[in-house]
Amino acid sequence: PVLWLITDGKPGHRNQLEGLRAAMERLAGVRGYWLDALPSPQAFGCRLVGRFPPGDALPDPDFIVVAGHRTHASGLAARRARGGRLVVLMRPSLPLSWFDLCVVPMHDPVPDRANVIRTEGVLNAVRRSTLHDSGQGLILVGGPSRHHGWDASSLVDQIGQIIASDPGIRWTLTGSRRTPPDTLDALRSHFGDSISIRAAEETRPGWVGEQLAVAGRAWVSEDSVSMVYEALGSGTATGLLDVPRSGPSRVAKSIDHLVSEGMAMRFAQWRTAGRLAAPPRPLDEAARVAHHLVAVLDGRGPAR
């Protein structure tokens, strides 16, 4: 199968696309081609005339996959020009009926339709690992967002208790693009001599996945829902660092669901239980979506 993967260049969106591409590769030996999204006005113009110049030299696609609002118009133009089925990896900003398949996280409200697949979290490129080392731990820290506030001192206190609970573990900590610089400064001041700390800018693409593959346990600040799902996808025992919530939100609802299912453990629960437990079931949503796409090609699943 031929996959066109249209990207807006954002690392999180590219990670979703790569997760599905890799799952399709394992399942069906897919040929994947990466294309940059056109500016939306140009893309809508290309759609009107039935052309998509970025794909002129490529074979016709079986699937065109887009992630990020800025990629939608390019996906529509590409399908009009070259055919194939258009797959969007999010709740789209355009009508659902404009896409052949919408892969939407459960925490995003959309009506039930034949062309909607609901997933636990967004897709990612992390695979379940059998190499977890009980002597290694990973801490993933996010930052303030429209769904969460931020309390650096509380975060430092939680991490301090986690590190002190088992001095034999080798801890690695990294932030995200949202992590305030003064939070990293505080973490380095408190723990710089005892754990390895890296800013997000100091890591290469795929580095977090590599760390999760060997970490026997991971702690993720609950605002970083995508990194929470990456940790669960690796199969490692996953804890949630408390950060203030701005109020009820779809992100908070998603985290609460994971806790209720026993997939992840809150900091207060860990203090009571004394240990983190591995997720009770595997989480590989990219593979599940890939199986659906292959079924569509084989005529065993709905095209829309």
Protein backbone atom coordinates (compact mmCIF):
# COMPACT_ATOMS: atom_id res chain seq x y z
CA PRO A 1 0.00 0.00 0.00
CA VAL A 2 1.05 3.57 -0.69
CA LEU A 3 0.72 6.12 2.11
CA TRP A 4 1.02 9.85 1.68
CA LEU A 5 1.75 11.46 5.05
CA ILE A 6 1.08 15.20 5.03
CA THR A 7 2.79 17.05 7.88
CA ASP A 8 2.70 20.57 9.29
CA GLY A 9 6.16 20.03 10.81
CA LYS A 10 4.99 19.96 14.43
CA PRO A 11 6.78 17.14 16.32
CA GLY A 12 3.63 15.90 18.07
CA HIS A 13 1.67 15.64 14.83
CA ARG A 14 4.57 14.00 13.02
CA ASN A 15 4.84 11.47 15.85
CA GLN A 16 1.20 10.49 15.30
CA LEU A 17 1.77 10.07 11.57
CA GLU A 18 4.94 8.05 12.14
CA GLY A 19 3.14 5.81 14.62
CA LEU A 20 0.56 4.83 11.99
CA ARG A 21 3.15 4.58 9.20
CA ALA A 22 5.34 2.24 11.28
CA ALA A 23 2.36 0.10 12.27
CA MET A 24 1.31 -0.18 8.62
CA GLU A 25 4.89 -1.04 7.68
CA ARG A 26 4.96 -3.93 10.15
CA LEU A 27 1.58 -5.14 9.00
CA ALA A 28 1.60 -4.68 5.23
CA GLY A 29 5.00 -3.46 4.02
CA VAL A 30 3.68 0.00 3.24
CA ARG A 31 5.48 2.58 1.10
CA GLY A 32 5.28 5.86 2.96
CA TYR A 33 5.96 9.30 1.45
CA TRP A 34 6.24 12.49 3.53
CA LEU A 35 4.85 15.72 2.11
CA ASP A 36 4.77 19.21 3.60
CA ALA A 37 1.35 20.83 3.89
CA LEU A 38 0.64 23.75 1.61
CA PRO A 39 -0.68 27.02 3.07
CA SER A 40 -4.44 26.56 3.37
CA PRO A 41 -5.46 29.22 0.77
CA GLN A 42 -3.08 27.65 -1.76
CA ALA A 43 -4.32 24.15 -0.91
CA PHE A 44 -7.98 25.09 -1.40
CA GLY A 45 -7.02 26.62 -4.73
CA CYS A 46 -5.27 23.38 -5.73
CA ARG A 47 -8.39 21.46 -4.77
CA LEU A 48 -10.52 23.61 -7.06
CA VAL A 49 -8.32 22.86 -10.09
CA GLY A 50 -7.69 19.21 -9.13
CA ARG A 51 -3.92 19.42 -8.67
CA PHE A 52 -1.52 18.76 -5.80
CA PRO A 53 2.02 19.66 -6.95
CA PRO A 54 3.90 18.19 -3.91
CA GLY A 55 2.78 14.71 -5.01
CA ASP A 56 3.41 15.04 -8.74
CA ALA A 57 6.39 12.64 -8.75
CA LEU A 58 4.82 10.09 -6.36
CA PRO A 59 2.74 6.98 -7.04
CA ASP A 60 -1.00 7.32 -6.46
CA PRO A 61 -1.88 6.91 -2.78
CA ASP A 62 -4.07 4.25 -1.23
CA PHE A 63 -4.34 6.46 1.86
CA ILE A 64 -3.60 10.13 2.49
CA VAL A 65 -3.02 10.68 6.22
CA VAL A 66 -3.08 14.12 7.85
CA ALA A 67 -2.59 15.39 11.41
CA GLY A 68 -2.96 19.01 12.47
CA HIS A 69 -5.58 21.53 11.34
CA ARG A 70 -3.19 23.12 8.83
CA THR A 71 -2.95 19.84 6.91
CA HIS A 72 -6.66 19.35 6.24
CA ALA A 73 -6.93 21.46 3.10
CA SER A 74 -3.82 19.83 1.64
CA GLY A 75 -5.31 16.39 2.27
CA LEU A 76 -8.52 17.36 0.48
CA ALA A 77 -6.55 18.74 -2.46
CA ALA A 78 -4.39 15.61 -2.67
CA ARG A 79 -7.42 13.31 -2.71
CA ARG A 80 -9.16 15.40 -5.39
CA ALA A 81 -6.03 15.29 -7.54
CA ARG A 82 -4.88 11.71 -7.09
CA GLY A 83 -7.60 9.65 -5.39
CA GLY A 84 -7.10 7.45 -2.35
CA ARG A 85 -8.85 7.57 1.01
CA LEU A 86 -8.31 10.56 3.28
CA VAL A 87 -7.58 9.76 6.95
CA VAL A 88 -7.40 12.48 9.63
CA LEU A 89 -5.76 11.71 12.97
CA MET A 90 -7.78 14.07 15.17
CA ARG A 91 -11.17 15.68 15.50
CA PRO A 92 -11.11 17.76 12.32
CA SER A 93 -11.99 21.42 12.10
CA LEU A 94 -13.91 20.67 8.88
CA PRO A 95 -17.04 18.49 8.64
CA LEU A 96 -16.46 14.80 9.46
CA SER A 97 -18.17 13.82 6.21
CA TRP A 98 -15.35 15.43 4.21
CA PHE A 99 -12.96 12.67 5.33
CA ASP A 100 -13.05 8.95 4.59
CA LEU A 101 -11.87 8.08 8.11
CA CYS A 102 -11.53 10.17 11.27
CA VAL A 103 -9.31 8.71 14.01
CA VAL A 104 -10.44 10.61 17.10
CA PRO A 105 -9.35 10.22 20.76
CA MET A 106 -12.18 9.24 23.09
CA HIS A 107 -11.84 12.47 25.07
CA ASP A 108 -12.79 14.55 21.98
CA PRO A 109 -16.58 14.74 21.55
CA VAL A 110 -17.75 13.71 18.08
CA PRO A 111 -20.96 11.98 16.97
CA ASP A 112 -20.89 8.26 16.26
CA ARG A 113 -20.48 7.78 12.52
CA ALA A 114 -19.41 4.94 10.24
CA ASN A 115 -16.24 6.85 9.32
CA VAL A 116 -15.11 7.50 12.93
CA ILE A 117 -12.70 5.31 14.91
CA ARG A 118 -12.35 6.20 18.59
CA THR A 119 -8.93 5.63 20.19
CA GLU A 120 -7.48 5.78 23.68
CA GLY A 121 -5.35 8.88 23.33
CA VAL A 122 -3.58 10.07 20.20
CA LEU A 123 -1.50 7.66 18.14
CA ASN A 124 2.25 7.54 18.72
CA ALA A 125 5.32 5.68 17.54
CA VAL A 126 6.14 3.97 20.87
CA ARG A 127 5.90 0.17 20.90
CA ARG A 128 5.46 -2.22 23.81
CA SER A 129 8.87 -3.25 25.15
CA THR A 130 10.19 -6.37 26.84
CA LEU A 131 13.45 -4.70 27.89
CA HIS A 132 12.30 -2.76 30.95
CA ASP A 133 15.03 -2.46 33.58
CA SER A 134 13.77 -2.17 37.17
CA GLY A 135 16.89 -0.17 37.99
CA GLN A 136 16.05 2.64 35.56
CA GLY A 137 13.35 5.28 35.83
CA LEU A 138 12.15 8.12 33.61
CA ILE A 139 10.46 11.38 34.63
CA LEU A 140 8.65 13.41 31.94
CA VAL A 141 7.65 16.97 32.80
CA GLY A 142 5.31 19.16 30.77
CA GLY A 143 4.23 22.70 31.52
CA PRO A 144 1.28 25.07 31.86
CA SER A 145 -1.44 24.83 29.23
CA ARG A 146 -5.03 25.97 28.69
CA HIS A 147 -6.15 22.90 30.65
CA HIS A 148 -3.60 23.06 33.49
CA GLY A 149 -1.87 25.60 35.67
CA TRP A 150 1.61 25.05 37.08
CA ASP A 151 3.22 24.66 40.52
CA ALA A 152 6.96 24.10 40.25
CA SER A 153 7.51 23.79 44.01
CA SER A 154 4.89 21.03 44.29
CA LEU A 155 6.51 19.23 41.36
CA VAL A 156 9.94 19.42 42.99
CA ASP A 157 8.48 18.03 46.22
CA GLN A 158 6.77 15.10 44.46
CA ILE A 159 9.89 14.20 42.50
CA GLY A 160 11.99 14.45 45.65
CA GLN A 161 9.77 11.90 47.41
CA ILE A 162 9.88 9.57 44.42
CA ILE A 163 13.67 9.66 44.20
CA ALA A 164 14.08 9.22 47.96
CA SER A 165 11.77 6.19 48.00
CA ASP A 166 14.32 4.04 46.16
CA PRO A 167 17.85 5.49 46.02
CA GLY A 168 19.07 2.59 43.89
CA ILE A 169 17.16 3.67 40.78
CA ARG A 170 19.00 5.59 38.05
CA TRP A 171 16.62 8.41 37.12
CA THR A 172 16.52 10.44 33.90
CA LEU A 173 14.33 13.53 33.63
CA THR A 174 13.36 15.58 30.61
CA GLY A 175 11.01 18.46 29.97
CA SER A 176 8.85 19.39 26.99
CA ARG A 177 8.61 22.51 24.86
CA ARG A 178 6.10 23.87 27.43
CA THR A 179 8.35 23.41 30.45
CA PRO A 180 9.18 26.84 31.95
CA PRO A 181 12.96 27.46 32.11
CA ASP A 182 12.75 28.32 35.81
CA THR A 183 11.19 24.90 36.49
CA LEU A 184 14.16 23.17 34.88
CA ASP A 185 16.49 25.46 36.84
CA ALA A 186 14.75 24.47 40.09
CA LEU A 187 14.95 20.77 39.21
CA ARG A 188 18.65 21.05 38.38
CA SER A 189 19.25 22.93 41.62
CA HIS A 190 17.58 20.24 43.71
CA PHE A 191 18.50 17.05 41.83
CA GLY A 192 21.24 17.89 39.35
CA ASP A 193 23.85 15.83 41.20
CA SER A 194 21.68 12.75 41.66
CA ILE A 195 19.76 12.34 38.37
CA SER A 196 20.32 13.07 34.69
CA ILE A 197 18.30 16.11 33.54
CA ARG A 198 17.84 17.13 29.89
CA ALA A 199 15.83 19.93 28.36
CA ALA A 200 13.61 18.94 25.44
CA GLU A 201 15.93 20.83 23.10
CA GLU A 202 18.79 18.54 24.16
CA THR A 203 17.04 15.39 22.93
CA ARG A 204 16.67 14.05 19.40
CA PRO A 205 13.45 12.78 17.81
CA GLY A 206 12.57 9.35 19.19
CA TRP A 207 14.69 9.77 22.32
CA VAL A 208 11.73 9.57 24.73
CA GLY A 209 10.57 6.33 23.11
CA GLU A 210 14.06 4.86 23.49
CA GLN A 211 14.11 5.77 27.18
CA LEU A 212 10.63 4.33 27.76
CA ALA A 213 11.73 1.05 26.17
CA VAL A 214 14.23 0.43 28.98
CA ALA A 215 12.72 2.33 31.93
CA GLY A 216 11.20 0.05 34.56
CA ARG A 217 8.92 2.87 35.68
CA ALA A 218 7.92 6.30 34.44
CA TRP A 219 6.41 9.38 36.06
CA VAL A 220 4.65 11.90 33.82
CA SER A 221 3.10 15.23 34.78
CA GLU A 222 -0.60 14.78 34.06
CA ASP A 223 -0.81 17.81 31.75
CA SER A 224 1.35 15.89 29.23
CA VAL A 225 -1.37 13.54 28.06
CA SER A 226 0.49 12.52 24.90
CA MET A 227 3.54 11.46 26.94
CA VAL A 228 1.26 9.58 29.35
CA TYR A 229 -0.03 7.51 26.44
CA GLU A 230 3.50 6.98 25.15
CA ALA A 231 4.53 5.61 28.54
CA LEU A 232 1.52 3.28 28.58
CA GLY A 233 2.27 2.20 25.03
CA SER A 234 5.73 1.06 26.11
CA GLY A 235 4.16 -1.11 28.81
CA THR A 236 6.11 0.45 31.66
CA ALA A 237 4.57 1.11 35.09
CA THR A 238 3.27 4.69 34.88
CA GLY A 239 2.66 7.26 37.61
CA LEU A 240 1.06 10.70 37.31
CA LEU A 241 2.62 13.80 38.82
CA ASP A 242 -0.04 16.18 40.13
CA VAL A 243 -0.34 19.61 38.51
CA PRO A 244 -3.19 22.09 39.08
CA ARG A 245 -6.18 21.78 36.79
CA SER A 246 -7.82 24.84 35.28
CA GLY A 247 -11.20 23.14 35.57
CA PRO A 248 -13.08 20.29 33.90
CA SER A 249 -11.69 19.49 30.46
CA ARG A 250 -11.46 16.70 27.91
CA VAL A 251 -7.79 16.20 28.88
CA ALA A 252 -8.66 15.82 32.56
CA LYS A 253 -11.45 13.42 31.63
CA SER A 254 -8.99 11.30 29.66
CA ILE A 255 -6.57 11.13 32.60
CA ASP A 256 -9.38 10.25 35.04
CA HIS A 257 -10.43 7.41 32.74
CA LEU A 258 -6.91 5.97 32.75
CA VAL A 259 -6.79 6.09 36.54
CA SER A 260 -10.21 4.45 36.89
CA GLU A 261 -9.08 1.65 34.56
CA GLY A 262 -5.92 1.06 36.60
CA MET A 263 -3.72 1.98 33.64
CA ALA A 264 -1.89 4.75 35.52
CA MET A 265 -1.53 5.68 39.18
CA ARG A 266 -1.77 9.08 40.84
CA PHE A 267 0.95 10.28 43.15
CA ALA A 268 -1.32 9.97 46.23
CA GLN A 269 -2.23 6.39 45.26
CA TRP A 270 1.45 5.51 44.92
CA ARG A 271 2.23 6.90 48.37
CA THR A 272 -0.44 4.59 49.80
CA ALA A 273 0.44 1.50 47.74
CA GLY A 274 4.19 1.96 47.85
CA ARG A 275 4.77 0.77 44.28
CA LEU A 276 3.72 1.33 40.68
CA ALA A 277 2.09 -1.47 38.71
CA ALA A 278 2.50 -2.10 34.98
CA PRO A 279 -0.60 -1.43 32.83
CA PRO A 280 -3.01 -4.38 33.05
CA ARG A 281 -3.48 -4.54 29.28
CA PRO A 282 -1.48 -3.59 26.19
CA LEU A 283 -2.13 -0.24 24.54
CA ASP A 284 -1.23 -0.14 20.83
CA GLU A 285 -3.81 2.02 19.11
CA ALA A 286 -1.62 2.61 16.05
CA ALA A 287 -1.68 -1.12 15.32
CA ARG A 288 -5.45 -1.25 15.77
CA VAL A 289 -5.98 1.56 13.27
CA ALA A 290 -3.48 -0.04 10.87
CA HIS A 291 -5.45 -3.29 10.98
CA HIS A 292 -8.60 -1.33 10.07
CA LEU A 293 -6.88 0.29 7.07
CA VAL A 294 -5.60 -3.05 5.81
CA ALA A 295 -9.12 -4.49 6.18
CA VAL A 296 -10.43 -1.61 4.07
CA LEU A 297 -7.91 -2.41 1.32
CA ASP A 298 -8.86 -6.09 1.46
CA GLY A 299 -12.55 -5.23 1.19
CA ARG A 300 -13.24 -6.47 4.72
CA GLY A 301 -13.97 -3.11 6.32
CA PRO A 302 -16.03 -0.01 5.58
CA ALA A 303 -14.33 2.48 3.30
CA ARG A 304 -15.97 5.34 5.21
